[in-house]
C-alpha atoms as a PDB file:
ATOM      1  CA  MET A   1      36.083 -60.533  22.786  1.00  0.00           C
ATOM      2  CA  PRO A   2      37.483 -57.557  20.464  1.00  0.00           C
ATOM      3  CA  VAL A   3      39.282 -58.962  16.951  1.00  0.00           C
ATOM      4  CA  GLU A   4      42.921 -57.662  16.662  1.00  0.00           C
ATOM      5  CA  LEU A   5      43.543 -57.305  12.922  1.00  0.00           C
ATOM      6  CA  THR A   6      47.183 -56.672  11.784  1.00  0.00           C
ATOM      7  CA  VAL A   7      47.967 -55.345   7.984  1.00  0.00           C
ATOM      8  CA  LYS A   8      50.733 -53.577   6.123  1.00  0.00           C
ATOM      9  CA  ALA A   9      48.275 -50.831   4.348  1.00  0.00           C
ATOM     10  CA  ILE A  10      44.711 -49.721   4.633  1.00  0.00           C
ATOM     11  CA  LEU A  11      42.734 -49.022   1.866  1.00  0.00           C
ATOM     12  CA  PHE A  12      39.533 -46.778   2.337  1.00  0.00           C
ATOM     13  CA  ASP A  13      36.007 -46.355   0.536  1.00  0.00           C
ATOM     14  CA  MET A  14      34.937 -42.911   1.108  1.00  0.00           C
ATOM     15  CA  ASP A  15      31.166 -42.526   0.827  1.00  0.00           C
ATOM     16  CA  GLY A  16      29.138 -43.829   3.699  1.00  0.00           C
ATOM     17  CA  THR A  17      32.707 -45.315   5.123  1.00  0.00           C
ATOM     18  CA  LEU A  18      34.672 -42.000   5.790  1.00  0.00           C
ATOM     19  CA  VAL A  19      31.824 -39.533   4.501  1.00  0.00           C
ATOM     20  CA  ASP A  20      28.438 -39.393   4.232  1.00  0.00           C
ATOM     21  CA  SER A  21      26.824 -37.846   1.334  1.00  0.00           C
ATOM     22  CA  THR A  22      23.217 -39.101   1.838  1.00  0.00           C
ATOM     23  CA  PRO A  23      21.413 -36.002   1.894  1.00  0.00           C
ATOM     24  CA  ALA A  24      22.525 -34.236  -1.166  1.00  0.00           C
ATOM     25  CA  VAL A  25      22.757 -37.646  -3.351  1.00  0.00           C
ATOM     26  CA  GLU A  26      19.047 -38.539  -2.640  1.00  0.00           C
ATOM     27  CA  LYS A  27      17.935 -35.011  -3.568  1.00  0.00           C
ATOM     28  CA  THR A  28      20.148 -34.755  -6.323  1.00  0.00           C
ATOM     29  CA  MET A  29      19.791 -38.178  -7.855  1.00  0.00           C
ATOM     30  CA  GLY A  30      16.056 -38.611  -6.733  1.00  0.00           C
ATOM     31  CA  ASP A  31      15.278 -35.619  -8.535  1.00  0.00           C
ATOM     32  CA  TRP A  32      17.227 -37.017 -11.477  1.00  0.00           C
ATOM     33  CA  CYS A  33      15.134 -40.216 -11.242  1.00  0.00           C
ATOM     34  CA  HIS A  34      11.982 -38.049 -11.520  1.00  0.00           C
ATOM     35  CA  GLU A  35      12.924 -36.930 -14.550  1.00  0.00           C
ATOM     36  CA  GLN A  36      13.934 -40.390 -15.778  1.00  0.00           C
ATOM     37  CA  GLY A  37      10.770 -41.937 -14.547  1.00  0.00           C
ATOM     38  CA  ILE A  38      12.689 -44.070 -12.432  1.00  0.00           C
ATOM     39  CA  GLU A  39      11.257 -44.750  -8.893  1.00  0.00           C
ATOM     40  CA  PRO A  40      14.192 -43.235  -6.794  1.00  0.00           C
ATOM     41  CA  SER A  41      13.614 -46.500  -4.203  1.00  0.00           C
ATOM     42  CA  GLU A  42      14.692 -48.973  -7.299  1.00  0.00           C
ATOM     43  CA  PHE A  43      17.654 -46.797  -8.489  1.00  0.00           C
ATOM     44  CA  PHE A  44      19.171 -46.044  -4.787  1.00  0.00           C
ATOM     45  CA  GLN A  45      19.052 -50.414  -3.825  1.00  0.00           C
ATOM     46  CA  HIS A  46      21.579 -50.550  -6.730  1.00  0.00           C
ATOM     47  CA  SER A  47      23.310 -47.617  -7.332  1.00  0.00           C
ATOM     48  CA  HIS A  48      25.820 -47.428  -3.903  1.00  0.00           C
ATOM     49  CA  GLY A  49      29.358 -47.634  -4.091  1.00  0.00           C
ATOM     50  CA  VAL A  50      28.985 -47.991  -8.242  1.00  0.00           C
ATOM     51  CA  ARG A  51      30.294 -45.505 -10.156  1.00  0.00           C
ATOM     52  CA  THR A  52      28.173 -42.497 -11.725  1.00  0.00           C
ATOM     53  CA  GLN A  53      29.199 -43.684 -15.438  1.00  0.00           C
ATOM     54  CA  ASP A  54      28.236 -47.067 -14.551  1.00  0.00           C
ATOM     55  CA  ASN A  55      24.707 -45.965 -12.883  1.00  0.00           C
ATOM     56  CA  LEU A  56      24.057 -43.725 -16.014  1.00  0.00           C
ATOM     57  CA  LYS A  57      24.670 -46.673 -18.587  1.00  0.00           C
ATOM     58  CA  ARG A  58      22.495 -48.717 -16.379  1.00  0.00           C
ATOM     59  CA  PHE A  59      19.571 -46.707 -15.594  1.00  0.00           C
ATOM     60  CA  GLN A  60      18.998 -42.780 -17.725  1.00  0.00           C
ATOM     61  CA  ARG A  61      16.241 -43.394 -20.413  1.00  0.00           C
ATOM     62  CA  VAL A  62      16.469 -39.626 -21.121  1.00  0.00           C
ATOM     63  CA  PRO A  63      16.810 -37.800 -23.532  1.00  0.00           C
ATOM     64  CA  VAL A  64      18.735 -41.080 -24.857  1.00  0.00           C
ATOM     65  CA  PRO A  65      19.016 -44.239 -23.255  1.00  0.00           C
ATOM     66  CA  GLY A  66      22.462 -43.816 -20.830  1.00  0.00           C
ATOM     67  CA  SER A  67      24.027 -47.228 -23.100  1.00  0.00           C
ATOM     68  CA  SER A  68      24.047 -45.344 -25.947  1.00  0.00           C
ATOM     69  CA  LEU A  69      25.826 -42.266 -24.887  1.00  0.00           C
ATOM     70  CA  SER A  70      29.462 -41.570 -26.289  1.00  0.00           C
ATOM     71  CA  PRO A  71      32.270 -41.693 -24.022  1.00  0.00           C
ATOM     72  CA  GLU A  72      32.606 -37.623 -24.183  1.00  0.00           C
ATOM     73  CA  GLU A  73      28.896 -37.426 -23.823  1.00  0.00           C
ATOM     74  CA  LEU A  74      28.847 -39.809 -20.722  1.00  0.00           C
ATOM     75  CA  THR A  75      32.004 -38.020 -18.924  1.00  0.00           C
ATOM     76  CA  ASP A  76      29.844 -34.717 -19.625  1.00  0.00           C
ATOM     77  CA  SER A  77      27.050 -36.643 -17.499  1.00  0.00           C
ATOM     78  CA  VAL A  78      28.767 -37.481 -14.773  1.00  0.00           C
ATOM     79  CA  ASN A  79      30.640 -34.448 -14.324  1.00  0.00           C
ATOM     80  CA  ARG A  80      27.534 -32.288 -14.594  1.00  0.00           C
ATOM     81  CA  LEU A  81      25.473 -34.759 -11.670  1.00  0.00           C
ATOM     82  CA  GLU A  82      28.888 -35.033  -9.260  1.00  0.00           C
ATOM     83  CA  ALA A  83      29.086 -31.609  -9.674  1.00  0.00           C
ATOM     84  CA  LEU A  84      25.678 -30.631  -8.671  1.00  0.00           C
ATOM     85  CA  ILE A  85      25.840 -33.643  -5.897  1.00  0.00           C
ATOM     86  CA  ALA A  86      28.854 -31.718  -4.610  1.00  0.00           C
ATOM     87  CA  GLU A  87      27.388 -28.098  -4.751  1.00  0.00           C
ATOM     88  CA  ASN A  88      23.975 -29.476  -3.397  1.00  0.00           C
ATOM     89  CA  GLY A  89      25.994 -30.935  -0.229  1.00  0.00           C
ATOM     90  CA  ARG A  90      28.489 -27.719   0.208  1.00  0.00           C
ATOM     91  CA  LYS A  91      24.989 -25.638   0.799  1.00  0.00           C
ATOM     92  CA  MET A  92      23.268 -27.750   2.864  1.00  0.00           C
ATOM     93  CA  HIS A  93      26.578 -28.123   5.317  1.00  0.00           C
ATOM     94  CA  GLU A  94      26.893 -24.184   5.234  1.00  0.00           C
ATOM     95  CA  ALA A  95      23.336 -24.155   6.102  1.00  0.00           C
ATOM     96  CA  GLY A  96      23.859 -26.129   8.771  1.00  0.00           C
ATOM     97  CA  GLY A  97      22.188 -29.093   7.448  1.00  0.00           C
ATOM     98  CA  LYS A  98      23.197 -32.479   6.714  1.00  0.00           C
ATOM     99  CA  GLY A  99      24.898 -32.199   2.974  1.00  0.00           C
ATOM    100  CA  ILE A 100      28.285 -33.707   3.245  1.00  0.00           C
ATOM    101  CA  GLU A 101      29.698 -34.591   6.322  1.00  0.00           C
ATOM    102  CA  ARG A 102      32.625 -36.700   7.968  1.00  0.00           C
ATOM    103  CA  LEU A 103      31.111 -39.576   9.623  1.00  0.00           C
ATOM    104  CA  PRO A 104      31.558 -40.178  13.614  1.00  0.00           C
ATOM    105  CA  GLY A 105      35.341 -41.647  14.417  1.00  0.00           C
ATOM    106  CA  ALA A 106      36.647 -41.198  11.181  1.00  0.00           C
ATOM    107  CA  ARG A 107      38.541 -37.727  12.104  1.00  0.00           C
ATOM    108  CA  GLU A 108      40.123 -39.999  15.538  1.00  0.00           C
ATOM    109  CA  LEU A 109      40.842 -42.713  13.321  1.00  0.00           C
ATOM    110  CA  LEU A 110      42.619 -41.096  10.149  1.00  0.00           C
ATOM    111  CA  ASP A 111      44.621 -38.881  12.551  1.00  0.00           C
ATOM    112  CA  ALA A 112      46.078 -42.108  14.440  1.00  0.00           C
ATOM    113  CA  LEU A 113      47.336 -43.270  11.337  1.00  0.00           C
ATOM    114  CA  LYS A 114      48.742 -40.259   9.933  1.00  0.00           C
ATOM    115  CA  LYS A 115      50.600 -39.759  13.751  1.00  0.00           C
ATOM    116  CA  GLY A 116      52.316 -43.533  13.240  1.00  0.00           C
ATOM    117  CA  GLY A 117      53.043 -42.761   9.472  1.00  0.00           C
ATOM    118  CA  ALA A 118      51.004 -45.745   8.668  1.00  0.00           C
ATOM    119  CA  ARG A 119      49.867 -46.630   4.920  1.00  0.00           C
ATOM    120  CA  TRP A 120      46.507 -45.683   4.007  1.00  0.00           C
ATOM    121  CA  GLY A 121      44.698 -44.211   1.136  1.00  0.00           C
ATOM    122  CA  ILE A 122      41.215 -43.572   0.029  1.00  0.00           C
ATOM    123  CA  CYS A 123      39.404 -45.615  -3.251  1.00  0.00           C
ATOM    124  CA  THR A 124      36.276 -44.270  -4.589  1.00  0.00           C
ATOM    125  CA  SER A 125      33.778 -44.703  -7.017  1.00  0.00           C
ATOM    126  CA  ALA A 126      33.458 -41.009  -7.552  1.00  0.00           C
ATOM    127  CA  THR A 127      34.980 -38.628 -10.281  1.00  0.00           C
ATOM    128  CA  ARG A 128      38.015 -36.481  -8.782  1.00  0.00           C
ATOM    129  CA  ILE A 129      35.908 -33.226  -9.137  1.00  0.00           C
ATOM    130  CA  TYR A 130      32.922 -34.663  -6.454  1.00  0.00           C
ATOM    131  CA  ALA A 131      35.455 -36.449  -4.442  1.00  0.00           C
ATOM    132  CA  SER A 132      37.809 -33.356  -3.526  1.00  0.00           C
ATOM    133  CA  SER A 133      34.987 -31.758  -2.696  1.00  0.00           C
ATOM    134  CA  ALA A 134      33.353 -33.705  -0.594  1.00  0.00           C
ATOM    135  CA  LEU A 135      36.224 -34.579   1.141  1.00  0.00           C
ATOM    136  CA  LYS A 136      37.021 -31.302   1.609  1.00  0.00           C
ATOM    137  CA  THR A 137      33.334 -30.563   2.667  1.00  0.00           C
ATOM    138  CA  GLY A 138      34.211 -33.340   5.565  1.00  0.00           C
ATOM    139  CA  GLU A 139      37.038 -31.892   6.789  1.00  0.00           C
ATOM    140  CA  ILE A 140      39.366 -34.701   5.663  1.00  0.00           C
ATOM    141  CA  GLY A 141      41.136 -33.354   2.958  1.00  0.00           C
ATOM    142  CA  SER A 142      41.840 -34.902  -0.660  1.00  0.00           C
ATOM    143  CA  ALA A 143      45.573 -34.372  -0.910  1.00  0.00           C
ATOM    144  CA  PRO A 144      49.259 -34.700   0.920  1.00  0.00           C
ATOM    145  CA  PRO A 145      49.476 -34.221   3.653  1.00  0.00           C
ATOM    146  CA  ASP A 146      46.310 -34.790   4.985  1.00  0.00           C
ATOM    147  CA  LEU A 147      45.739 -37.739   2.168  1.00  0.00           C
ATOM    148  CA  PRO A 148      48.417 -40.057   1.183  1.00  0.00           C
ATOM    149  CA  PHE A 149      46.674 -40.767  -1.776  1.00  0.00           C
ATOM    150  CA  LEU A 150      42.888 -40.649  -3.948  1.00  0.00           C
ATOM    151  CA  ILE A 151      42.330 -43.347  -6.604  1.00  0.00           C
ATOM    152  CA  THR A 152      38.778 -42.169  -8.307  1.00  0.00           C
ATOM    153  CA  ALA A 153      36.720 -43.166 -11.077  1.00  0.00           C
ATOM    154  CA  ASP A 154      39.026 -40.992 -13.337  1.00  0.00           C
ATOM    155  CA  ASP A 155      41.749 -43.272 -12.402  1.00  0.00           C
ATOM    156  CA  VAL A 156      40.542 -46.224 -13.631  1.00  0.00           C
ATOM    157  CA  THR A 157      39.257 -48.362 -16.731  1.00  0.00           C
ATOM    158  CA  HIS A 158      36.319 -51.000 -14.450  1.00  0.00           C
ATOM    159  CA  GLY A 159      34.494 -49.764 -11.187  1.00  0.00           C
ATOM    160  CA  LYS A 160      33.097 -51.337  -8.313  1.00  0.00           C
ATOM    161  CA  PRO A 161      33.033 -54.372  -7.668  1.00  0.00           C
ATOM    162  CA  HIS A 162      35.540 -54.920  -9.729  1.00  0.00           C
ATOM    163  CA  PRO A 163      38.734 -55.630  -8.096  1.00  0.00           C
ATOM    164  CA  GLU A 164      40.735 -52.777 -10.235  1.00  0.00           C
ATOM    165  CA  PRO A 165      40.495 -49.406  -7.552  1.00  0.00           C
ATOM    166  CA  TYR A 166      41.756 -51.753  -5.071  1.00  0.00           C
ATOM    167  CA  LEU A 167      44.197 -52.987  -7.294  1.00  0.00           C
ATOM    168  CA  LYS A 168      45.404 -49.315  -8.108  1.00  0.00           C
ATOM    169  CA  GLY A 169      45.361 -48.352  -4.502  1.00  0.00           C
ATOM    170  CA  MET A 170      48.127 -51.143  -3.423  1.00  0.00           C
ATOM    171  CA  GLU A 171      49.780 -49.828  -6.563  1.00  0.00           C
ATOM    172  CA  GLU A 172      49.913 -46.372  -4.446  1.00  0.00           C
ATOM    173  CA  ALA A 173      50.594 -47.866  -1.328  1.00  0.00           C
ATOM    174  CA  ARG A 174      53.653 -49.549  -2.322  1.00  0.00           C
ATOM    175  CA  LYS A 175      55.308 -46.100  -3.693  1.00  0.00           C
ATOM    176  CA  LEU A 176      55.061 -45.193   0.067  1.00  0.00           C
ATOM    177  CA  SER A 177      57.921 -45.711   2.497  1.00  0.00           C
ATOM    178  CA  GLY A 178      57.553 -49.449   4.504  1.00  0.00           C
ATOM    179  CA  ALA A 179      58.132 -53.149   4.065  1.00  0.00           C
ATOM    180  CA  SER A 180      56.564 -54.868   0.853  1.00  0.00           C
ATOM    181  CA  PHE A 181      53.323 -56.900   1.446  1.00  0.00           C
ATOM    182  CA  ASP A 182      51.216 -58.943  -0.299  1.00  0.00           C
ATOM    183  CA  PRO A 183      47.345 -58.346  -1.016  1.00  0.00           C
ATOM    184  CA  SER A 184      46.465 -60.452   1.794  1.00  0.00           C
ATOM    185  CA  GLU A 185      48.319 -57.993   4.058  1.00  0.00           C
ATOM    186  CA  VAL A 186      45.907 -55.333   3.094  1.00  0.00           C
ATOM    187  CA  LEU A 187      42.530 -54.224   4.654  1.00  0.00           C
ATOM    188  CA  VAL A 188      39.778 -53.111   2.534  1.00  0.00           C
ATOM    189  CA  VAL A 189      37.588 -50.470   4.671  1.00  0.00           C
ATOM    190  CA  GLU A 190      33.847 -50.546   2.893  1.00  0.00           C
ATOM    191  CA  ASP A 191      30.385 -50.244   3.526  1.00  0.00           C
ATOM    192  CA  ALA A 192      28.813 -51.430   0.449  1.00  0.00           C
ATOM    193  CA  PRO A 193      28.753 -54.790  -1.283  1.00  0.00           C
ATOM    194  CA  SER A 194      30.336 -54.014  -4.528  1.00  0.00           C
ATOM    195  CA  GLY A 195      33.219 -52.342  -2.678  1.00  0.00           C
ATOM    196  CA  LEU A 196      33.661 -55.292  -0.590  1.00  0.00           C
ATOM    197  CA  LYS A 197      33.727 -57.625  -3.892  1.00  0.00           C
ATOM    198  CA  ALA A 198      36.040 -55.746  -5.088  1.00  0.00           C
ATOM    199  CA  GLY A 199      38.387 -55.818  -2.090  1.00  0.00           C
ATOM    200  CA  THR A 200      37.743 -59.393  -1.546  1.00  0.00           C
ATOM    201  CA  ASP A 201      38.563 -60.211  -5.120  1.00  0.00           C
ATOM    202  CA  ALA A 202      41.870 -57.988  -4.876  1.00  0.00           C
ATOM    203  CA  GLY A 203      42.932 -60.524  -2.330  1.00  0.00           C
ATOM    204  CA  CYS A 204      42.354 -58.061   0.244  1.00  0.00           C
ATOM    205  CA  LYS A 205      40.892 -58.745   3.857  1.00  0.00           C
ATOM    206  CA  THR A 206      37.778 -56.944   4.241  1.00  0.00           C
ATOM    207  CA  LEU A 207      36.177 -55.178   7.123  1.00  0.00           C
ATOM    208  CA  GLY A 208      32.557 -54.166   6.732  1.00  0.00           C
ATOM    209  CA  VAL A 209      31.026 -50.953   8.452  1.00  0.00           C
ATOM    210  CA  GLY A 210      27.439 -50.648   8.887  1.00  0.00           C
ATOM    211  CA  THR A 211      27.499 -46.746   8.190  1.00  0.00           C
ATOM    212  CA  GLY A 212      25.893 -46.446   4.871  1.00  0.00           C
ATOM    213  CA  GLN A 213      23.177 -49.285   4.797  1.00  0.00           C
ATOM    214  CA  PRO A 214      20.576 -50.090   6.462  1.00  0.00           C
ATOM    215  CA  LEU A 215      21.222 -52.623   9.187  1.00  0.00           C
ATOM    216  CA  GLU A 216      19.427 -55.745   8.121  1.00  0.00           C
ATOM    217  CA  ARG A 217      21.011 -55.440   4.621  1.00  0.00           C
ATOM    218  CA  PHE A 218      24.334 -55.075   6.276  1.00  0.00           C
ATOM    219  CA  LYS A 219      24.028 -58.372   8.335  1.00  0.00           C
ATOM    220  CA  THR A 220      24.182 -59.910   4.791  1.00  0.00           C
ATOM    221  CA  PHE A 221      27.181 -58.643   3.397  1.00  0.00           C
ATOM    222  CA  GLU A 222      30.129 -60.968   3.074  1.00  0.00           C
ATOM    223  CA  ALA A 223      33.046 -59.359   4.389  1.00  0.00           C
ATOM    224  CA  THR A 224      36.312 -60.443   6.599  1.00  0.00           C
ATOM    225  CA  VAL A 225      34.882 -58.873   9.714  1.00  0.00           C
ATOM    226  CA  LYS A 226      32.356 -56.743  10.068  1.00  0.00           C
ATOM    227  CA  ALA A 227      31.750 -53.436  12.512  1.00  0.00           C
ATOM    228  CA  LEU A 228      28.636 -51.528  13.431  1.00  0.00           C
ATOM    229  CA  ASP A 229      30.596 -48.019  12.655  1.00  0.00           C
ATOM    230  CA  LEU A 230      34.238 -46.613  13.107  1.00  0.00           C
ATOM    231  CA  THR A 231      33.179 -44.822  16.789  1.00  0.00           C
ATOM    232  CA  ARG A 232      29.957 -44.852  18.850  1.00  0.00           C
ATOM    233  CA  GLN A 233      28.983 -42.550  21.704  1.00  0.00           C
ATOM    234  CA  SER A 234      26.997 -43.190  24.932  1.00  0.00           C
ATOM    235  CA  VAL A 235      26.427 -41.215  28.232  1.00  0.00           C
ATOM    236  CA  SER A 236      27.774 -41.731  31.740  1.00  0.00           C
ATOM    237  CA  THR A 237      25.506 -41.854  34.566  1.00  0.00           C
ATOM    238  CA  PHE A 238      27.086 -38.603  35.254  1.00  0.00           C
ATOM    239  CA  ALA A 239      25.807 -36.908  31.739  1.00  0.00           C
ATOM    240  CA  ASN A 240      29.060 -36.775  30.547  1.00  0.00           C
ATOM    241  CA  ALA A 241      29.877 -38.497  26.878  1.00  0.00           C
ATOM    242  CA  LEU A 242      32.165 -41.222  26.233  1.00  0.00           C
ATOM    243  CA  PHE A 243      32.979 -42.532  22.925  1.00  0.00           C
ATOM    244  CA  THR A 244      33.711 -46.403  22.794  1.00  0.00           C
ATOM    245  CA  HIS A 245      35.637 -47.356  19.718  1.00  0.00           C
ATOM    246  CA  SER A 246      34.045 -49.759  17.268  1.00  0.00           C
ATOM    247  CA  VAL A 247      37.380 -49.931  15.656  1.00  0.00           C
ATOM    248  CA  GLU A 248      40.528 -48.427  17.254  1.00  0.00           C
ATOM    249  CA  VAL A 249      44.164 -48.373  16.108  1.00  0.00           C
ATOM    250  CA  VAL A 250      46.540 -50.264  19.064  1.00  0.00           C
ATOM    251  CA  SER A 251      49.594 -49.188  16.799  1.00  0.00           C
ATOM    252  CA  ALA A 252      50.431 -47.603  13.332  1.00  0.00           C
ATOM    253  CA  SER A 253      53.754 -47.506  12.086  1.00  0.00           C
ATOM    254  CA  ALA A 254      55.177 -47.182   7.941  1.00  0.00           C
ATOM    255  CA  ASP A 255      55.415 -51.065   8.147  1.00  0.00           C
ATOM    256  CA  SER A 256      52.362 -52.374  10.230  1.00  0.00           C
ATOM    257  CA  VAL A 257      48.758 -51.667  11.553  1.00  0.00           C
ATOM    258  CA  THR A 258      47.068 -53.431  14.449  1.00  0.00           C
ATOM    259  CA  LEU A 259      43.153 -52.369  14.873  1.00  0.00           C
ATOM    260  CA  ARG A 260      41.140 -53.767  17.849  1.00  0.00           C
ATOM    261  CA  ILE A 261      37.421 -54.163  16.258  1.00  0.00           C
ATOM    262  CA  LYS A 262      34.374 -54.603  18.228  1.00  0.00           C
ATOM    263  CA  THR A 263      32.417 -57.209  15.752  1.00  0.00           C
ATOM    264  CA  LEU A 264      29.338 -56.417  14.620  1.00  0.00           C
ATOM    265  CA  GLU A 265      28.492 -59.408  16.354  1.00  0.00           C
ATOM    266  CA  GLU A 266      29.032 -58.439  19.597  1.00  0.00           C
ATOM    267  CA  GLU A 267      26.830 -55.719  19.480  1.00  0.00           C
ATOM    268  CA  ASP A 268      23.945 -55.574  21.709  1.00  0.00           C
ATOM    269  CA  LEU A 269      21.418 -54.767  18.184  1.00  0.00           C
END
């Protein structure tokens, strides 16, 4: 049976949760890995859900080790890389390919939250420059009224898996109209282990979605509840497209949101 979960606010990750930028990221960072003499598979195994600045400090080798960059040099390097990802994604999207695009079910879920006046926002490891571009390309929007608030890598000292991004998100959610809440009454929606750990350590409930990781790896992640994705499409015997929701908004208001979730364990995998 589906699980029903009631919370007072929802905090979403961006990449792999609401938008898919995998092709743009793989092209841009794959080229960067070759320049660095790094095997791309090794980089991508550890980089998802982590701030670009933290990845650069860990993986950059040339022209100097990333760990030796000054704060200003690190910021410049991050901005150049993320601007290139955004540009590659936009060009691929406009050419009709998959560069950066909204994930299935994201619009329906967010529209239901907006309609009910629910408190929600996005907490991403991306910089504001990249996040704003990706959310625009993915047709979600990066500012009110489309998006109540956006926490980016620029707004925190410590990135995921540190809880600071979600602690900041709760601060912003408390500024919106609605009843007071404790962290345990907030749901973090994430596709990456670093983000799920950040949400858990912030004291929140967590919903893991398997839209940004290989399924076998996703099965090993720790979360309050896990769903395969936000929505799934099937075809009826009359060849009419039908949508079945893995995550459905039952009710939404400024005070609370109730979700009905088809858990990963229920899926016929």
